[in-house]
Amino acid sequence: MDFDSYTCTVCNGTFIDMKDYSDHSCKPIVDEIKDVLLLPNKKKLKRGKEESDVFYWSHNATLGLLAAYQTIQSNKENVKKHKNFWHDLAEKLQKLGYKVTSDQTRWKINSLIKKYKECVDYNSKSGRSPKSFPYLNEMQDMFGHRKNINCDHTLDSSFFGAKSQSSHSKSEDQQQPLETQILSSSSSSPRQLTSPVKKVKKVHSDSAKTKLELEKQWLEHLRMLSTKNEKENEKLIKIDERNALKKEKLLLKQKQLFWKETVLKRKMENKNERHRDRMRIEREKCQLLKDLIQSKNLFSLDNVLDKE
């Protein structure tokens, strides 16, 4: 089928492609509050009809869709080989009084699987306050707890967990009329999360224990590093103290050498001074002796002259 444009069901705005519609301000209101998909403006079909009605998915209609989907899929091993799968699904719902088209059923199934995948991905990552939505239990019963869910897998029977179920449960579900399955699904009270979610909780608890153990090991490692750093700091402090003592000893030795040199200099100066004094005294003695000798010679010479 070819599409000329798309029309918003809230403001009746017309868009050429889905990109323009995604930026449209009414889209969050349509998706979250009314759960109505964008209505495509189709060209005339081969039968000469136009699909212009918008279908509002009620709770019972959604349960009927899931029940019919599971019933038709269980009868067909590979959906890809059956081109009229969505058409047959729409006919099943039309027999129950819901005027839907094949595209509307396909869009709704893809939307439900997308929400289911978001819940499974969120619950597999976070163990606290698991996320849920109204049809989570029914989707788990149909598909099983799988992480690798994709909307494209709705066209392949290998996506479902139906092969893991027993043949006895399959035959019982096929024998039950579709109306009975829908009524039982709609009248039953909301169930709690089934065993797959409990398994997820166990996995999360194991991962939480592993994380806690890793955190403990990391803290122990940090403590060991802190103790090692403290010991190294103590060693460095002792080395600094030893170096300071060595410096003080060197300063004392330098002072001792300085005083020794000063004392030696003073001793040498005193010795030299005493030597100079002695030499001066000796020179004076020599001069006195010389003067004495000269005076004696003069006296003797005078006596000789007098005698003559």
C-alpha atoms as a PDB file:
ATOM      1  CA  MET A   1       0.000   0.000   0.000  1.00  0.00           C
ATOM      2  CA  ASP A   2       1.197   3.528  -0.856  1.00  0.00           C
ATOM      3  CA  PHE A   3       0.608   6.582   1.316  1.00  0.00           C
ATOM      4  CA  ASP A   4       0.215  10.132   0.057  1.00  0.00           C
ATOM      5  CA  SER A   5       0.332  11.810   3.487  1.00  0.00           C
ATOM      6  CA  TYR A   6      -0.468  11.387   7.186  1.00  0.00           C
ATOM      7  CA  THR A   7      -3.167  13.102   9.230  1.00  0.00           C
ATOM      8  CA  CYS A   8      -2.973  13.823  12.975  1.00  0.00           C
ATOM      9  CA  THR A   9      -6.075  12.590  14.845  1.00  0.00           C
ATOM     10  CA  VAL A  10      -5.941  15.511  17.326  1.00  0.00           C
ATOM     11  CA  CYS A  11      -5.466  18.649  15.236  1.00  0.00           C
ATOM     12  CA  ASN A  12      -6.229  17.149  11.774  1.00  0.00           C
ATOM     13  CA  GLY A  13      -2.855  18.346  10.528  1.00  0.00           C
ATOM     14  CA  THR A  14      -1.482  16.744   7.350  1.00  0.00           C
ATOM     15  CA  PHE A  15       2.162  15.606   7.073  1.00  0.00           C
ATOM     16  CA  ILE A  16       4.106  14.251   4.126  1.00  0.00           C
ATOM     17  CA  ASP A  17       6.387  11.884   6.042  1.00  0.00           C
ATOM     18  CA  MET A  18       6.812  10.446   9.542  1.00  0.00           C
ATOM     19  CA  LYS A  19       9.762  12.725  10.337  1.00  0.00           C
ATOM     20  CA  ASP A  20       7.564  15.821  10.190  1.00  0.00           C
ATOM     21  CA  TYR A  21       4.964  14.054  12.289  1.00  0.00           C
ATOM     22  CA  SER A  22       7.549  13.076  14.955  1.00  0.00           C
ATOM     23  CA  ASP A  23       8.368  16.769  15.456  1.00  0.00           C
ATOM     24  CA  HIS A  24       4.671  17.561  15.744  1.00  0.00           C
ATOM     25  CA  SER A  25       3.519  18.897  19.160  1.00  0.00           C
ATOM     26  CA  CYS A  26       0.414  16.668  19.299  1.00  0.00           C
ATOM     27  CA  LYS A  27       2.321  13.379  19.013  1.00  0.00           C
ATOM     28  CA  PRO A  28       3.150  12.975  22.756  1.00  0.00           C
ATOM     29  CA  ILE A  29      -0.498  13.646  23.630  1.00  0.00           C
ATOM     30  CA  VAL A  30      -1.684  11.081  21.103  1.00  0.00           C
ATOM     31  CA  ASP A  31       0.844   8.431  22.186  1.00  0.00           C
ATOM     32  CA  GLU A  32       0.552   8.802  25.973  1.00  0.00           C
ATOM     33  CA  ILE A  33      -3.085   9.741  26.637  1.00  0.00           C
ATOM     34  CA  LYS A  34      -5.245   8.289  23.877  1.00  0.00           C
ATOM     35  CA  ASP A  35      -2.874   5.569  22.602  1.00  0.00           C
ATOM     36  CA  VAL A  36      -3.976   6.324  19.029  1.00  0.00           C
ATOM     37  CA  LEU A  37      -1.595   5.766  16.162  1.00  0.00           C
ATOM     38  CA  LEU A  38      -1.137   8.185  13.278  1.00  0.00           C
ATOM     39  CA  LEU A  39      -3.794   7.668  10.645  1.00  0.00           C
ATOM     40  CA  PRO A  40      -2.331   7.413   7.118  1.00  0.00           C
ATOM     41  CA  ASN A  41      -4.214   8.951   4.227  1.00  0.00           C
ATOM     42  CA  LYS A  42      -4.121   6.052   1.785  1.00  0.00           C
ATOM     43  CA  LYS A  43      -4.639   5.982  -1.897  1.00  0.00           C
ATOM     44  CA  LYS A  44      -7.626   4.104  -3.168  1.00  0.00           C
ATOM     45  CA  LEU A  45      -7.247   0.378  -2.697  1.00  0.00           C
ATOM     46  CA  LYS A  46      -7.953  -2.240  -5.322  1.00  0.00           C
ATOM     47  CA  ARG A  47     -11.448  -2.739  -3.898  1.00  0.00           C
ATOM     48  CA  GLY A  48     -12.156   0.966  -4.283  1.00  0.00           C
ATOM     49  CA  LYS A  49     -12.479   1.610  -0.547  1.00  0.00           C
ATOM     50  CA  GLU A  50     -10.684   4.086   1.702  1.00  0.00           C
ATOM     51  CA  GLU A  51      -9.637   3.507   5.335  1.00  0.00           C
ATOM     52  CA  SER A  52     -10.472   6.693   7.179  1.00  0.00           C
ATOM     53  CA  ASP A  53     -11.720   5.491  10.582  1.00  0.00           C
ATOM     54  CA  VAL A  54      -9.577   5.721  13.713  1.00  0.00           C
ATOM     55  CA  PHE A  55      -9.794   2.822  16.154  1.00  0.00           C
ATOM     56  CA  TYR A  56      -9.398   3.480  19.891  1.00  0.00           C
ATOM     57  CA  TRP A  57      -7.869   0.465  21.601  1.00  0.00           C
ATOM     58  CA  SER A  58      -9.773  -0.330  24.782  1.00  0.00           C
ATOM     59  CA  HIS A  59      -8.559  -2.773  27.429  1.00  0.00           C
ATOM     60  CA  ASN A  60     -10.803  -5.605  26.180  1.00  0.00           C
ATOM     61  CA  ALA A  61      -9.872  -4.907  22.566  1.00  0.00           C
ATOM     62  CA  THR A  62      -6.174  -5.108  23.413  1.00  0.00           C
ATOM     63  CA  LEU A  63      -6.663  -8.374  25.303  1.00  0.00           C
ATOM     64  CA  GLY A  64      -8.629  -9.718  22.338  1.00  0.00           C
ATOM     65  CA  LEU A  65      -5.830  -8.677  19.999  1.00  0.00           C
ATOM     66  CA  LEU A  66      -3.220 -10.515  22.093  1.00  0.00           C
ATOM     67  CA  ALA A  67      -5.385 -13.632  22.388  1.00  0.00           C
ATOM     68  CA  ALA A  68      -6.145 -13.694  18.654  1.00  0.00           C
ATOM     69  CA  TYR A  69      -2.510 -13.040  17.847  1.00  0.00           C
ATOM     70  CA  GLN A  70      -1.366 -15.962  19.994  1.00  0.00           C
ATOM     71  CA  THR A  71      -4.037 -18.248  18.529  1.00  0.00           C
ATOM     72  CA  ILE A  72      -3.207 -17.449  14.902  1.00  0.00           C
ATOM     73  CA  GLN A  73       0.542 -17.599  15.480  1.00  0.00           C
ATOM     74  CA  SER A  74       0.340 -21.009  17.154  1.00  0.00           C
ATOM     75  CA  ASN A  75      -1.393 -22.378  14.036  1.00  0.00           C
ATOM     76  CA  LYS A  76       1.314 -21.020  11.723  1.00  0.00           C
ATOM     77  CA  GLU A  77       4.880 -22.105  12.250  1.00  0.00           C
ATOM     78  CA  ASN A  78       6.389 -19.293  10.221  1.00  0.00           C
ATOM     79  CA  VAL A  79       4.506 -16.023   9.901  1.00  0.00           C
ATOM     80  CA  LYS A  80       6.784 -14.770   7.125  1.00  0.00           C
ATOM     81  CA  LYS A  81       5.347 -17.355   4.740  1.00  0.00           C
ATOM     82  CA  HIS A  82       1.790 -16.153   5.398  1.00  0.00           C
ATOM     83  CA  LYS A  83       1.284 -12.763   3.779  1.00  0.00           C
ATOM     84  CA  ASN A  84      -2.309 -12.536   5.049  1.00  0.00           C
ATOM     85  CA  PHE A  85      -1.357 -12.925   8.703  1.00  0.00           C
ATOM     86  CA  TRP A  86      -2.336  -9.389   9.728  1.00  0.00           C
ATOM     87  CA  HIS A  87      -5.430  -9.529   7.551  1.00  0.00           C
ATOM     88  CA  ASP A  88      -6.538 -12.749   9.283  1.00  0.00           C
ATOM     89  CA  LEU A  89      -5.801 -11.174  12.650  1.00  0.00           C
ATOM     90  CA  ALA A  90      -7.976  -8.173  11.789  1.00  0.00           C
ATOM     91  CA  GLU A  91     -10.788 -10.492  10.650  1.00  0.00           C
ATOM     92  CA  LYS A  92     -10.647 -12.323  13.983  1.00  0.00           C
ATOM     93  CA  LEU A  93     -11.143  -9.060  15.824  1.00  0.00           C
ATOM     94  CA  GLN A  94     -13.847  -7.925  13.418  1.00  0.00           C
ATOM     95  CA  LYS A  95     -15.801 -11.091  14.240  1.00  0.00           C
ATOM     96  CA  LEU A  96     -15.647 -10.026  17.882  1.00  0.00           C
ATOM     97  CA  GLY A  97     -17.100  -6.624  17.001  1.00  0.00           C
ATOM     98  CA  TYR A  98     -13.897  -4.550  16.762  1.00  0.00           C
ATOM     99  CA  LYS A  99     -13.646  -2.684  13.459  1.00  0.00           C
ATOM    100  CA  VAL A 100      -9.906  -2.676  12.913  1.00  0.00           C
ATOM    101  CA  THR A 101      -7.666  -2.943   9.877  1.00  0.00           C
ATOM    102  CA  SER A 102      -4.613  -5.102   9.297  1.00  0.00           C
ATOM    103  CA  ASP A 103      -2.295  -2.100   9.596  1.00  0.00           C
ATOM    104  CA  GLN A 104      -3.890  -1.028  12.877  1.00  0.00           C
ATOM    105  CA  THR A 105      -3.382  -4.493  14.365  1.00  0.00           C
ATOM    106  CA  ARG A 106       0.221  -4.552  13.196  1.00  0.00           C
ATOM    107  CA  TRP A 107       0.910  -1.060  14.617  1.00  0.00           C
ATOM    108  CA  LYS A 108      -0.693  -1.954  17.934  1.00  0.00           C
ATOM    109  CA  ILE A 109       1.289  -5.215  18.244  1.00  0.00           C
ATOM    110  CA  ASN A 110       4.531  -3.386  17.444  1.00  0.00           C
ATOM    111  CA  SER A 111       3.659  -0.707  20.018  1.00  0.00           C
ATOM    112  CA  LEU A 112       2.987  -3.326  22.713  1.00  0.00           C
ATOM    113  CA  ILE A 113       6.199  -5.190  21.932  1.00  0.00           C
ATOM    114  CA  LYS A 114       8.134  -1.925  22.104  1.00  0.00           C
ATOM    115  CA  LYS A 115       6.738  -1.196  25.584  1.00  0.00           C
ATOM    116  CA  TYR A 116       7.385  -4.792  26.631  1.00  0.00           C
ATOM    117  CA  LYS A 117      10.994  -4.533  25.452  1.00  0.00           C
ATOM    118  CA  GLU A 118      11.466  -1.281  27.394  1.00  0.00           C
ATOM    119  CA  CYS A 119      10.190  -2.953  30.579  1.00  0.00           C
ATOM    120  CA  VAL A 120      12.405  -6.020  30.108  1.00  0.00           C
ATOM    121  CA  ASP A 121      15.487  -3.894  29.370  1.00  0.00           C
ATOM    122  CA  TYR A 122      14.821  -1.641  32.367  1.00  0.00           C
ATOM    123  CA  ASN A 123      14.201  -4.571  34.735  1.00  0.00           C
ATOM    124  CA  SER A 124      17.349  -6.324  33.526  1.00  0.00           C
ATOM    125  CA  LYS A 125      19.446  -3.236  34.368  1.00  0.00           C
ATOM    126  CA  SER A 126      17.830  -2.092  37.613  1.00  0.00           C
ATOM    127  CA  GLY A 127      16.808  -4.392  40.466  1.00  0.00           C
ATOM    128  CA  ARG A 128      14.869  -1.719  42.332  1.00  0.00           C
ATOM    129  CA  SER A 129      11.220  -0.851  41.636  1.00  0.00           C
ATOM    130  CA  PRO A 130      10.733  -2.985  38.485  1.00  0.00           C
ATOM    131  CA  LYS A 131       8.945  -1.279  35.633  1.00  0.00           C
ATOM    132  CA  SER A 132       5.638  -2.647  34.363  1.00  0.00           C
ATOM    133  CA  PHE A 133       2.684  -1.856  32.101  1.00  0.00           C
ATOM    134  CA  PRO A 134      -0.910  -3.224  31.962  1.00  0.00           C
ATOM    135  CA  TYR A 135      -0.199  -6.071  29.513  1.00  0.00           C
ATOM    136  CA  LEU A 136       3.209  -7.201  30.781  1.00  0.00           C
ATOM    137  CA  ASN A 137       1.966 -10.531  32.152  1.00  0.00           C
ATOM    138  CA  GLU A 138       0.139 -11.424  28.941  1.00  0.00           C
ATOM    139  CA  MET A 139       3.210 -10.524  26.875  1.00  0.00           C
ATOM    140  CA  GLN A 140       5.404 -12.666  29.106  1.00  0.00           C
ATOM    141  CA  ASP A 141       3.039 -15.600  28.718  1.00  0.00           C
ATOM    142  CA  MET A 142       3.212 -15.195  24.951  1.00  0.00           C
ATOM    143  CA  PHE A 143       6.854 -14.335  24.336  1.00  0.00           C
ATOM    144  CA  GLY A 144       8.695 -15.446  27.469  1.00  0.00           C
ATOM    145  CA  HIS A 145      11.343 -13.349  29.170  1.00  0.00           C
ATOM    146  CA  ARG A 146      13.726 -12.314  26.390  1.00  0.00           C
ATOM    147  CA  LYS A 147      16.190  -9.421  26.262  1.00  0.00           C
ATOM    148  CA  ASN A 148      16.758  -9.338  22.492  1.00  0.00           C
ATOM    149  CA  ILE A 149      13.241  -8.275  21.543  1.00  0.00           C
ATOM    150  CA  ASN A 150      12.675  -6.361  18.335  1.00  0.00           C
ATOM    151  CA  CYS A 151       9.432  -5.279  16.706  1.00  0.00           C
ATOM    152  CA  ASP A 152      10.563  -6.869  13.448  1.00  0.00           C
ATOM    153  CA  HIS A 153      10.559 -10.228  15.180  1.00  0.00           C
ATOM    154  CA  THR A 154       6.782 -10.172  15.194  1.00  0.00           C
ATOM    155  CA  LEU A 155       6.988 -11.569  11.669  1.00  0.00           C
ATOM    156  CA  ASP A 156       9.018 -14.606  12.697  1.00  0.00           C
ATOM    157  CA  SER A 157       7.836 -17.522  14.774  1.00  0.00           C
ATOM    158  CA  SER A 158      11.335 -18.019  16.212  1.00  0.00           C
ATOM    159  CA  PHE A 159      10.761 -14.932  18.335  1.00  0.00           C
ATOM    160  CA  PHE A 160       8.102 -16.514  20.509  1.00  0.00           C
ATOM    161  CA  GLY A 161       8.574 -18.827  23.411  1.00  0.00           C
ATOM    162  CA  ALA A 162       5.820 -21.101  22.121  1.00  0.00           C
ATOM    163  CA  LYS A 163       8.285 -23.849  21.214  1.00  0.00           C
ATOM    164  CA  SER A 164       9.318 -24.141  24.841  1.00  0.00           C
ATOM    165  CA  GLN A 165       5.740 -24.876  25.922  1.00  0.00           C
ATOM    166  CA  SER A 166       4.412 -28.415  26.018  1.00  0.00           C
ATOM    167  CA  SER A 167       2.208 -29.797  23.253  1.00  0.00           C
ATOM    168  CA  HIS A 168      -0.522 -30.432  25.814  1.00  0.00           C
ATOM    169  CA  SER A 169      -0.867 -26.747  26.706  1.00  0.00           C
ATOM    170  CA  LYS A 170      -0.908 -25.873  22.996  1.00  0.00           C
ATOM    171  CA  SER A 171      -3.777 -28.214  22.222  1.00  0.00           C
ATOM    172  CA  GLU A 172      -5.818 -26.938  25.159  1.00  0.00           C
ATOM    173  CA  ASP A 173      -5.372 -23.309  24.071  1.00  0.00           C
ATOM    174  CA  GLN A 174      -6.352 -24.127  20.505  1.00  0.00           C
ATOM    175  CA  GLN A 175      -9.497 -25.980  21.588  1.00  0.00           C
ATOM    176  CA  GLN A 176     -10.746 -23.057  23.667  1.00  0.00           C
ATOM    177  CA  PRO A 177     -12.834 -20.534  21.714  1.00  0.00           C
ATOM    178  CA  LEU A 178     -11.293 -17.127  21.203  1.00  0.00           C
ATOM    179  CA  GLU A 179     -14.213 -15.417  22.965  1.00  0.00           C
ATOM    180  CA  THR A 180     -13.634 -17.543  26.104  1.00  0.00           C
ATOM    181  CA  GLN A 181      -9.953 -16.591  26.188  1.00  0.00           C
ATOM    182  CA  ILE A 182     -10.792 -12.898  25.871  1.00  0.00           C
ATOM    183  CA  LEU A 183     -13.441 -12.995  28.614  1.00  0.00           C
ATOM    184  CA  SER A 184     -11.164 -14.890  30.979  1.00  0.00           C
ATOM    185  CA  SER A 185      -8.347 -12.436  30.286  1.00  0.00           C
ATOM    186  CA  SER A 186     -10.523  -9.353  30.807  1.00  0.00           C
ATOM    187  CA  SER A 187     -12.297 -10.650  33.938  1.00  0.00           C
ATOM    188  CA  SER A 188      -9.144 -11.800  35.714  1.00  0.00           C
ATOM    189  CA  SER A 189      -7.638  -9.394  38.222  1.00  0.00           C
ATOM    190  CA  PRO A 190      -4.188  -7.905  37.566  1.00  0.00           C
ATOM    191  CA  ARG A 191      -1.542 -10.465  38.377  1.00  0.00           C
ATOM    192  CA  GLN A 192       1.790  -9.887  39.957  1.00  0.00           C
ATOM    193  CA  LEU A 193       5.011 -10.282  38.050  1.00  0.00           C
ATOM    194  CA  THR A 194       5.604 -13.896  37.058  1.00  0.00           C
ATOM    195  CA  SER A 195       8.603 -16.091  37.557  1.00  0.00           C
ATOM    196  CA  PRO A 196      10.755 -14.555  34.776  1.00  0.00           C
ATOM    197  CA  VAL A 197      10.792 -11.260  36.687  1.00  0.00           C
ATOM    198  CA  LYS A 198      11.634 -13.162  39.868  1.00  0.00           C
ATOM    199  CA  LYS A 199      14.503 -14.719  37.982  1.00  0.00           C
ATOM    200  CA  VAL A 200      15.552 -11.248  36.934  1.00  0.00           C
ATOM    201  CA  LYS A 201      15.425 -10.194  40.588  1.00  0.00           C
ATOM    202  CA  LYS A 202      17.634 -13.146  41.483  1.00  0.00           C
ATOM    203  CA  VAL A 203      20.066 -12.166  38.763  1.00  0.00           C
ATOM    204  CA  HIS A 204      19.996  -8.594  40.015  1.00  0.00           C
ATOM    205  CA  SER A 205      20.543  -9.741  43.600  1.00  0.00           C
ATOM    206  CA  ASP A 206      23.518 -11.813  42.462  1.00  0.00           C
ATOM    207  CA  SER A 207      24.883  -8.868  40.508  1.00  0.00           C
ATOM    208  CA  ALA A 208      24.292  -6.620  43.521  1.00  0.00           C
ATOM    209  CA  LYS A 209      26.202  -9.073  45.718  1.00  0.00           C
ATOM    210  CA  THR A 210      28.992  -9.145  43.169  1.00  0.00           C
ATOM    211  CA  LYS A 211      29.081  -5.352  43.079  1.00  0.00           C
ATOM    212  CA  LEU A 212      29.117  -5.238  46.885  1.00  0.00           C
ATOM    213  CA  GLU A 213      31.977  -7.732  46.990  1.00  0.00           C
ATOM    214  CA  LEU A 214      33.895  -5.715  44.417  1.00  0.00           C
ATOM    215  CA  GLU A 215      33.302  -2.549  46.426  1.00  0.00           C
ATOM    216  CA  LYS A 216      34.597  -4.289  49.556  1.00  0.00           C
ATOM    217  CA  GLN A 217      37.684  -5.452  47.708  1.00  0.00           C
ATOM    218  CA  TRP A 218      38.191  -1.959  46.346  1.00  0.00           C
ATOM    219  CA  LEU A 219      37.878  -0.460  49.839  1.00  0.00           C
ATOM    220  CA  GLU A 220      40.361  -3.020  51.172  1.00  0.00           C
ATOM    221  CA  HIS A 221      42.708  -2.124  48.346  1.00  0.00           C
ATOM    222  CA  LEU A 222      42.359   1.568  49.196  1.00  0.00           C
ATOM    223  CA  ARG A 223      43.070   0.829  52.855  1.00  0.00           C
ATOM    224  CA  MET A 224      46.181  -1.102  51.926  1.00  0.00           C
ATOM    225  CA  LEU A 225      47.307   1.769  49.728  1.00  0.00           C
ATOM    226  CA  SER A 226      46.637   4.221  52.554  1.00  0.00           C
ATOM    227  CA  THR A 227      48.658   2.090  55.003  1.00  0.00           C
ATOM    228  CA  LYS A 228      51.464   1.774  52.483  1.00  0.00           C
ATOM    229  CA  ASN A 229      51.469   5.534  51.901  1.00  0.00           C
ATOM    230  CA  GLU A 230      51.571   6.173  55.647  1.00  0.00           C
ATOM    231  CA  LYS A 231      54.572   3.861  56.039  1.00  0.00           C
ATOM    232  CA  GLU A 232      56.318   5.535  53.130  1.00  0.00           C
ATOM    233  CA  ASN A 233      55.591   8.936  54.654  1.00  0.00           C
ATOM    234  CA  GLU A 234      57.036   7.784  57.981  1.00  0.00           C
ATOM    235  CA  LYS A 235      60.169   6.568  56.197  1.00  0.00           C
ATOM    236  CA  LEU A 236      60.483   9.894  54.398  1.00  0.00           C
ATOM    237  CA  ILE A 237      60.066  11.767  57.690  1.00  0.00           C
ATOM    238  CA  LYS A 238      62.807   9.652  59.307  1.00  0.00           C
ATOM    239  CA  ILE A 239      65.081  10.242  56.323  1.00  0.00           C
ATOM    240  CA  ASP A 240      64.456  13.990  56.590  1.00  0.00           C
ATOM    241  CA  GLU A 241      65.255  13.893  60.308  1.00  0.00           C
ATOM    242  CA  ARG A 242      68.489  12.010  59.626  1.00  0.00           C
ATOM    243  CA  ASN A 243      69.467  14.503  56.960  1.00  0.00           C
ATOM    244  CA  ALA A 244      68.750  17.361  59.364  1.00  0.00           C
ATOM    245  CA  LEU A 245      70.972  15.736  62.031  1.00  0.00           C
ATOM    246  CA  LYS A 246      73.728  15.262  59.482  1.00  0.00           C
ATOM    247  CA  LYS A 247      73.495  18.920  58.519  1.00  0.00           C
ATOM    248  CA  GLU A 248      73.707  19.966  62.173  1.00  0.00           C
ATOM    249  CA  LYS A 249      76.761  17.752  62.678  1.00  0.00           C
ATOM    250  CA  LEU A 250      78.408  19.252  59.619  1.00  0.00           C
ATOM    251  CA  LEU A 251      77.729  22.748  60.922  1.00  0.00           C
ATOM    252  CA  LEU A 252      79.242  21.830  64.297  1.00  0.00           C
ATOM    253  CA  LYS A 253      82.330  20.394  62.620  1.00  0.00           C
ATOM    254  CA  GLN A 254      82.667  23.508  60.510  1.00  0.00           C
ATOM    255  CA  LYS A 255      82.436  25.672  63.626  1.00  0.00           C
ATOM    256  CA  GLN A 256      85.029  23.498  65.384  1.00  0.00           C
ATOM    257  CA  LEU A 257      87.395  23.807  62.438  1.00  0.00           C
ATOM    258  CA  PHE A 258      86.870  27.545  62.345  1.00  0.00           C
ATOM    259  CA  TRP A 259      87.719  27.930  66.052  1.00  0.00           C
ATOM    260  CA  LYS A 260      90.732  25.659  65.701  1.00  0.00           C
ATOM    261  CA  GLU A 261      92.015  27.712  62.794  1.00  0.00           C
ATOM    262  CA  THR A 262      91.393  30.900  64.772  1.00  0.00           C
ATOM    263  CA  VAL A 263      93.323  29.555  67.778  1.00  0.00           C
ATOM    264  CA  LEU A 264      96.201  28.419  65.586  1.00  0.00           C
ATOM    265  CA  LYS A 265      96.364  31.822  63.922  1.00  0.00           C
ATOM    266  CA  ARG A 266      96.477  33.548  67.296  1.00  0.00           C
ATOM    267  CA  LYS A 267      99.208  31.198  68.488  1.00  0.00           C
ATOM    268  CA  MET A 268     101.244  31.868  65.376  1.00  0.00           C
ATOM    269  CA  GLU A 269     100.757  35.595  65.741  1.00  0.00           C
ATOM    270  CA  ASN A 270     101.840  35.469  69.392  1.00  0.00           C
ATOM    271  CA  LYS A 271     104.842  33.355  68.492  1.00  0.00           C
ATOM    272  CA  ASN A 272     105.867  35.732  65.744  1.00  0.00           C
ATOM    273  CA  GLU A 273     105.426  38.676  68.034  1.00  0.00           C
ATOM    274  CA  ARG A 274     107.651  37.072  70.709  1.00  0.00           C
ATOM    275  CA  HIS A 275     110.234  36.324  68.052  1.00  0.00           C
ATOM    276  CA  ARG A 276     110.249  39.907  66.915  1.00  0.00           C
ATOM    277  CA  ASP A 277     110.657  41.092  70.498  1.00  0.00           C
ATOM    278  CA  ARG A 278     113.614  38.768  71.031  1.00  0.00           C
ATOM    279  CA  MET A 279     115.255  39.904  67.833  1.00  0.00           C
ATOM    280  CA  ARG A 280     114.837  43.526  68.806  1.00  0.00           C
ATOM    281  CA  ILE A 281     116.385  42.839  72.203  1.00  0.00           C
ATOM    282  CA  GLU A 282     119.312  41.032  70.587  1.00  0.00           C
ATOM    283  CA  ARG A 283     119.887  43.878  68.208  1.00  0.00           C
ATOM    284  CA  GLU A 284     119.904  46.313  71.108  1.00  0.00           C
ATOM    285  CA  LYS A 285     122.427  44.109  72.936  1.00  0.00           C
ATOM    286  CA  CYS A 286     124.665  44.016  69.932  1.00  0.00           C
ATOM    287  CA  GLN A 287     124.497  47.739  69.551  1.00  0.00           C
ATOM    288  CA  LEU A 288     125.392  48.255  73.204  1.00  0.00           C
ATOM    289  CA  LEU A 289     128.369  45.901  72.940  1.00  0.00           C
ATOM    290  CA  LYS A 290     129.517  47.677  69.848  1.00  0.00           C
ATOM    291  CA  ASP A 291     129.283  51.019  71.561  1.00  0.00           C
ATOM    292  CA  LEU A 292     131.118  49.648  74.561  1.00  0.00           C
ATOM    293  CA  ILE A 293     133.944  48.308  72.473  1.00  0.00           C
ATOM    294  CA  GLN A 294     134.316  51.550  70.617  1.00  0.00           C
ATOM    295  CA  SER A 295     134.435  53.495  73.826  1.00  0.00           C
ATOM    296  CA  LYS A 296     137.168  51.214  75.219  1.00  0.00           C
ATOM    297  CA  ASN A 297     139.279  51.610  72.130  1.00  0.00           C
ATOM    298  CA  LEU A 298     139.050  55.362  72.318  1.00  0.00           C
ATOM    299  CA  PHE A 299     139.998  55.342  75.965  1.00  0.00           C
ATOM    300  CA  SER A 300     143.082  53.221  75.370  1.00  0.00           C
ATOM    301  CA  LEU A 301     144.133  55.387  72.452  1.00  0.00           C
ATOM    302  CA  ASP A 302     143.925  58.502  74.562  1.00  0.00           C
ATOM    303  CA  ASN A 303     146.113  56.959  77.266  1.00  0.00           C
ATOM    304  CA  VAL A 304     148.788  56.114  74.776  1.00  0.00           C
ATOM    305  CA  LEU A 305     148.836  59.594  73.425  1.00  0.00           C
ATOM    306  CA  ASP A 306     149.136  61.049  76.873  1.00  0.00           C
ATOM    307  CA  LYS A 307     152.162  58.976  77.675  1.00  0.00           C
ATOM    308  CA  GLU A 308     153.973  60.113  74.678  1.00  0.00           C
END
